[in-house]
Amino acid sequence: MDKISAMKVYVKVVEATTFTRAAEVLRTSAVYVTRMVQALEADLGVKLFIQSFICYT
């Protein structure tokens, strides 16, 4: 994994607010974006995103 590329993907996710939107901006798949972020997390040894599910009715 190229750390610089993974960091660029991470920044796009933050800017776009979702992995899917980041993938669209980067013109790639959401799976690729997810794997790049996971690889960066593994390399750094930290979770970069905390996933929460909030449901409003």
PDB file of N, CA and C in Angstrom:
ATOM      1  N   MET A   1       0.842  -1.180   0.000  1.00  0.00           N
ATOM      2  CA  MET A   1       0.000   0.000   0.000  1.00  0.00           C
ATOM      3  C   MET A   1       0.885   1.242   0.000  1.00  0.00           C
ATOM      4  N   ASP A   2       0.531   2.167  -0.832  1.00  0.00           N
ATOM      5  CA  ASP A   2       1.211   3.456  -0.889  1.00  0.00           C
ATOM      6  C   ASP A   2       0.536   4.376   0.128  1.00  0.00           C
ATOM      7  N   LYS A   3       1.277   4.766   1.165  1.00  0.00           N
ATOM      8  CA  LYS A   3       0.696   5.585   2.243  1.00  0.00           C
ATOM      9  C   LYS A   3       0.144   6.915   1.749  1.00  0.00           C
ATOM     10  N   ILE A   4       0.837   7.535   0.832  1.00  0.00           N
ATOM     11  CA  ILE A   4       0.389   8.836   0.332  1.00  0.00           C
ATOM     12  C   ILE A   4      -0.953   8.682  -0.381  1.00  0.00           C
ATOM     13  N   SER A   5      -1.081   7.665  -1.208  1.00  0.00           N
ATOM     14  CA  SER A   5      -2.352   7.429  -1.897  1.00  0.00           C
ATOM     15  C   SER A   5      -3.465   7.131  -0.901  1.00  0.00           C
ATOM     16  N   ALA A   6      -3.155   6.332   0.099  1.00  0.00           N
ATOM     17  CA  ALA A   6      -4.156   5.993   1.116  1.00  0.00           C
ATOM     18  C   ALA A   6      -4.584   7.233   1.889  1.00  0.00           C
ATOM     19  N   MET A   7      -3.641   8.116   2.187  1.00  0.00           N
ATOM     20  CA  MET A   7      -3.983   9.355   2.891  1.00  0.00           C
ATOM     21  C   MET A   7      -4.844  10.269   2.030  1.00  0.00           C
ATOM     22  N   LYS A   8      -4.574  10.308   0.730  1.00  0.00           N
ATOM     23  CA  LYS A   8      -5.397  11.102  -0.184  1.00  0.00           C
ATOM     24  C   LYS A   8      -6.823  10.565  -0.224  1.00  0.00           C
ATOM     25  N   VAL A   9      -6.948   9.246  -0.241  1.00  0.00           N
ATOM     26  CA  VAL A   9      -8.281   8.625  -0.213  1.00  0.00           C
ATOM     27  C   VAL A   9      -8.978   8.984   1.093  1.00  0.00           C
ATOM     28  N   TYR A  10      -8.258   8.898   2.197  1.00  0.00           N
ATOM     29  CA  TYR A  10      -8.829   9.250   3.506  1.00  0.00           C
ATOM     30  C   TYR A  10      -9.340  10.695   3.518  1.00  0.00           C
ATOM     31  N   VAL A  11      -8.558  11.610   2.995  1.00  0.00           N
ATOM     32  CA  VAL A  11      -8.965  13.019   2.944  1.00  0.00           C
ATOM     33  C   VAL A  11     -10.235  13.179   2.108  1.00  0.00           C
ATOM     34  N   LYS A  12     -10.322  12.468   0.994  1.00  0.00           N
ATOM     35  CA  LYS A  12     -11.525  12.550   0.149  1.00  0.00           C
ATOM     36  C   LYS A  12     -12.752  12.033   0.896  1.00  0.00           C
ATOM     37  N   VAL A  13     -12.580  10.973   1.682  1.00  0.00           N
ATOM     38  CA  VAL A  13     -13.704  10.456   2.465  1.00  0.00           C
ATOM     39  C   VAL A  13     -14.167  11.503   3.468  1.00  0.00           C
ATOM     40  N   VAL A  14     -13.237  12.143   4.123  1.00  0.00           N
ATOM     41  CA  VAL A  14     -13.591  13.189   5.096  1.00  0.00           C
ATOM     42  C   VAL A  14     -14.306  14.336   4.388  1.00  0.00           C
ATOM     43  N   GLU A  15     -13.792  14.773   3.259  1.00  0.00           N
ATOM     44  CA  GLU A  15     -14.408  15.868   2.517  1.00  0.00           C
ATOM     45  C   GLU A  15     -15.791  15.501   1.984  1.00  0.00           C
ATOM     46  N   ALA A  16     -15.930  14.279   1.493  1.00  0.00           N
ATOM     47  CA  ALA A  16     -17.183  13.847   0.872  1.00  0.00           C
ATOM     48  C   ALA A  16     -18.210  13.357   1.890  1.00  0.00           C
ATOM     49  N   THR A  17     -17.777  13.047   3.078  1.00  0.00           N
ATOM     50  CA  THR A  17     -18.580  12.571   4.217  1.00  0.00           C
ATOM     51  C   THR A  17     -19.054  11.123   4.123  1.00  0.00           C
ATOM     52  N   THR A  18     -18.908  10.486   2.968  1.00  0.00           N
ATOM     53  CA  THR A  18     -19.226   9.054   2.868  1.00  0.00           C
ATOM     54  C   THR A  18     -18.213   8.372   1.956  1.00  0.00           C
ATOM     55  N   PHE A  19     -18.060   7.075   2.162  1.00  0.00           N
ATOM     56  CA  PHE A  19     -17.151   6.298   1.323  1.00  0.00           C
ATOM     57  C   PHE A  19     -17.665   6.265  -0.116  1.00  0.00           C
ATOM     58  N   THR A  20     -18.968   6.171  -0.281  1.00  0.00           N
ATOM     59  CA  THR A  20     -19.561   6.098  -1.620  1.00  0.00           C
ATOM     60  C   THR A  20     -19.331   7.387  -2.392  1.00  0.00           C
ATOM     61  N   ARG A  21     -19.566   8.514  -1.755  1.00  0.00           N
ATOM     62  CA  ARG A  21     -19.340   9.799  -2.431  1.00  0.00           C
ATOM     63  C   ARG A  21     -17.867   9.995  -2.749  1.00  0.00           C
ATOM     64  N   ALA A  22     -17.007   9.589  -1.843  1.00  0.00           N
ATOM     65  CA  ALA A  22     -15.565   9.695  -2.094  1.00  0.00           C
ATOM     66  C   ALA A  22     -15.177   8.844  -3.300  1.00  0.00           C
ATOM     67  N   ALA A  23     -15.747   7.662  -3.382  1.00  0.00           N
ATOM     68  CA  ALA A  23     -15.464   6.780  -4.522  1.00  0.00           C
ATOM     69  C   ALA A  23     -15.915   7.424  -5.831  1.00  0.00           C
ATOM     70  N   GLU A  24     -17.062   8.074  -5.801  1.00  0.00           N
ATOM     71  CA  GLU A  24     -17.551   8.753  -7.003  1.00  0.00           C
ATOM     72  C   GLU A  24     -16.596   9.876  -7.420  1.00  0.00           C
ATOM     73  N   VAL A  25     -16.151  10.661  -6.449  1.00  0.00           N
ATOM     74  CA  VAL A  25     -15.221  11.761  -6.732  1.00  0.00           C
ATOM     75  C   VAL A  25     -13.904  11.220  -7.274  1.00  0.00           C
ATOM     76  N   LEU A  26     -13.440  10.119  -6.693  1.00  0.00           N
ATOM     77  CA  LEU A  26     -12.176   9.517  -7.110  1.00  0.00           C
ATOM     78  C   LEU A  26     -12.312   8.646  -8.357  1.00  0.00           C
ATOM     79  N   ARG A  27     -13.561   8.453  -8.786  1.00  0.00           N
ATOM     80  CA  ARG A  27     -13.865   7.598  -9.947  1.00  0.00           C
ATOM     81  C   ARG A  27     -13.336   6.184  -9.768  1.00  0.00           C
ATOM     82  N   THR A  28     -13.679   5.626  -8.613  1.00  0.00           N
ATOM     83  CA  THR A  28     -13.295   4.259  -8.285  1.00  0.00           C
ATOM     84  C   THR A  28     -14.443   3.618  -7.518  1.00  0.00           C
ATOM     85  N   SER A  29     -14.239   2.422  -7.017  1.00  0.00           N
ATOM     86  CA  SER A  29     -15.308   1.736  -6.291  1.00  0.00           C
ATOM     87  C   SER A  29     -15.238   2.035  -4.796  1.00  0.00           C
ATOM     88  N   ALA A  30     -16.380   1.907  -4.148  1.00  0.00           N
ATOM     89  CA  ALA A  30     -16.438   2.081  -2.695  1.00  0.00           C
ATOM     90  C   ALA A  30     -15.619   0.998  -2.001  1.00  0.00           C
ATOM     91  N   VAL A  31     -15.547  -0.173  -2.603  1.00  0.00           N
ATOM     92  CA  VAL A  31     -14.748  -1.273  -2.040  1.00  0.00           C
ATOM     93  C   VAL A  31     -13.273  -0.869  -1.992  1.00  0.00           C
ATOM     94  N   TYR A  32     -12.782  -0.268  -3.059  1.00  0.00           N
ATOM     95  CA  TYR A  32     -11.390   0.184  -3.099  1.00  0.00           C
ATOM     96  C   TYR A  32     -11.137   1.221  -2.015  1.00  0.00           C
ATOM     97  N   VAL A  33     -12.049   2.181  -1.888  1.00  0.00           N
ATOM     98  CA  VAL A  33     -11.907   3.232  -0.878  1.00  0.00           C
ATOM     99  C   VAL A  33     -11.880   2.607   0.516  1.00  0.00           C
ATOM    100  N   THR A  34     -12.792   1.696   0.773  1.00  0.00           N
ATOM    101  CA  THR A  34     -12.855   1.022   2.074  1.00  0.00           C
ATOM    102  C   THR A  34     -11.554   0.286   2.371  1.00  0.00           C
ATOM    103  N   ARG A  35     -11.047  -0.435   1.389  1.00  0.00           N
ATOM    104  CA  ARG A  35      -9.809  -1.207   1.590  1.00  0.00           C
ATOM    105  C   ARG A  35      -8.603  -0.300   1.817  1.00  0.00           C
ATOM    106  N   MET A  36      -8.560   0.808   1.128  1.00  0.00           N
ATOM    107  CA  MET A  36      -7.450   1.747   1.331  1.00  0.00           C
ATOM    108  C   MET A  36      -7.479   2.327   2.739  1.00  0.00           C
ATOM    109  N   VAL A  37      -8.676   2.701   3.206  1.00  0.00           N
ATOM    110  CA  VAL A  37      -8.794   3.250   4.556  1.00  0.00           C
ATOM    111  C   VAL A  37      -8.465   2.175   5.587  1.00  0.00           C
ATOM    112  N   GLN A  38      -8.933   0.954   5.377  1.00  0.00           N
ATOM    113  CA  GLN A  38      -8.626  -0.143   6.304  1.00  0.00           C
ATOM    114  C   GLN A  38      -7.123  -0.410   6.358  1.00  0.00           C
ATOM    115  N   ALA A  39      -6.470  -0.376   5.215  1.00  0.00           N
ATOM    116  CA  ALA A  39      -5.018  -0.594   5.179  1.00  0.00           C
ATOM    117  C   ALA A  39      -4.285   0.523   5.916  1.00  0.00           C
ATOM    118  N   LEU A  40      -4.745   1.751   5.745  1.00  0.00           N
ATOM    119  CA  LEU A  40      -4.137   2.879   6.445  1.00  0.00           C
ATOM    120  C   LEU A  40      -4.347   2.750   7.953  1.00  0.00           C
ATOM    121  N   GLU A  41      -5.545   2.356   8.354  1.00  0.00           N
ATOM    122  CA  GLU A  41      -5.829   2.137   9.776  1.00  0.00           C
ATOM    123  C   GLU A  41      -4.911   1.058  10.356  1.00  0.00           C
ATOM    124  N   ALA A  42      -4.741  -0.027   9.617  1.00  0.00           N
ATOM    125  CA  ALA A  42      -3.875  -1.124  10.080  1.00  0.00           C
ATOM    126  C   ALA A  42      -2.430  -0.657  10.195  1.00  0.00           C
ATOM    127  N   ASP A  43      -1.989   0.118   9.213  1.00  0.00           N
ATOM    128  CA  ASP A  43      -0.613   0.610   9.214  1.00  0.00           C
ATOM    129  C   ASP A  43      -0.368   1.568  10.383  1.00  0.00           C
ATOM    130  N   LEU A  44      -1.348   2.421  10.662  1.00  0.00           N
ATOM    131  CA  LEU A  44      -1.203   3.400  11.748  1.00  0.00           C
ATOM    132  C   LEU A  44      -1.547   2.817  13.114  1.00  0.00           C
ATOM    133  N   GLY A  45      -2.303   1.737  13.120  1.00  0.00           N
ATOM    134  CA  GLY A  45      -2.690   1.103  14.378  1.00  0.00           C
ATOM    135  C   GLY A  45      -3.806   1.826  15.110  1.00  0.00           C
ATOM    136  N   VAL A  46      -4.602   2.581  14.361  1.00  0.00           N
ATOM    137  CA  VAL A  46      -5.728   3.312  14.960  1.00  0.00           C
ATOM    138  C   VAL A  46      -6.938   3.248  14.038  1.00  0.00           C
ATOM    139  N   LYS A  47      -8.129   3.408  14.628  1.00  0.00           N
ATOM    140  CA  LYS A  47      -9.346   3.529  13.834  1.00  0.00           C
ATOM    141  C   LYS A  47      -9.492   4.993  13.451  1.00  0.00           C
ATOM    142  N   LEU A  48      -9.672   5.259  12.171  1.00  0.00           N
ATOM    143  CA  LEU A  48      -9.787   6.634  11.698  1.00  0.00           C
ATOM    144  C   LEU A  48     -11.237   7.120  11.682  1.00  0.00           C
ATOM    145  N   PHE A  49     -12.161   6.184  11.634  1.00  0.00           N
ATOM    146  CA  PHE A  49     -13.577   6.521  11.636  1.00  0.00           C
ATOM    147  C   PHE A  49     -14.289   5.698  12.694  1.00  0.00           C
ATOM    148  N   ILE A  50     -15.229   6.319  13.363  1.00  0.00           N
ATOM    149  CA  ILE A  50     -16.101   5.608  14.285  1.00  0.00           C
ATOM    150  C   ILE A  50     -17.467   5.576  13.630  1.00  0.00           C
ATOM    151  N   GLN A  51     -17.919   4.381  13.324  1.00  0.00           N
ATOM    152  CA  GLN A  51     -19.178   4.229  12.636  1.00  0.00           C
ATOM    153  C   GLN A  51     -20.333   4.234  13.627  1.00  0.00           C
ATOM    154  N   SER A  52     -21.317   5.033  13.357  1.00  0.00           N
ATOM    155  CA  SER A  52     -22.487   5.044  14.234  1.00  0.00           C
ATOM    156  C   SER A  52     -23.750   4.936  13.392  1.00  0.00           C
ATOM    157  N   PHE A  53     -24.726   4.295  13.960  1.00  0.00           N
ATOM    158  CA  PHE A  53     -25.998   4.132  13.283  1.00  0.00           C
ATOM    159  C   PHE A  53     -27.050   4.823  14.130  1.00  0.00           C
ATOM    160  N   ILE A  54     -27.481   5.966  13.660  1.00  0.00           N
ATOM    161  CA  ILE A  54     -28.512   6.722  14.364  1.00  0.00           C
ATOM    162  C   ILE A  54     -29.741   6.717  13.477  1.00  0.00           C
ATOM    163  N   CYS A  55     -30.826   6.274  14.021  1.00  0.00           N
ATOM    164  CA  CYS A  55     -32.059   6.177  13.262  1.00  0.00           C
ATOM    165  C   CYS A  55     -33.086   7.146  13.826  1.00  0.00           C
ATOM    166  N   TYR A  56     -33.568   8.019  12.977  1.00  0.00           N
ATOM    167  CA  TYR A  56     -34.599   8.965  13.379  1.00  0.00           C
ATOM    168  C   TYR A  56     -35.916   8.518  12.784  1.00  0.00           C
ATOM    169  N   THR A  57     -36.951   8.502  13.586  1.00  0.00           N
ATOM    170  CA  THR A  57     -38.271   8.125  13.060  1.00  0.00           C
ATOM    171  C   THR A  57     -39.246   9.257  13.216  1.00  0.00           C
TER     172      THR A  57
END
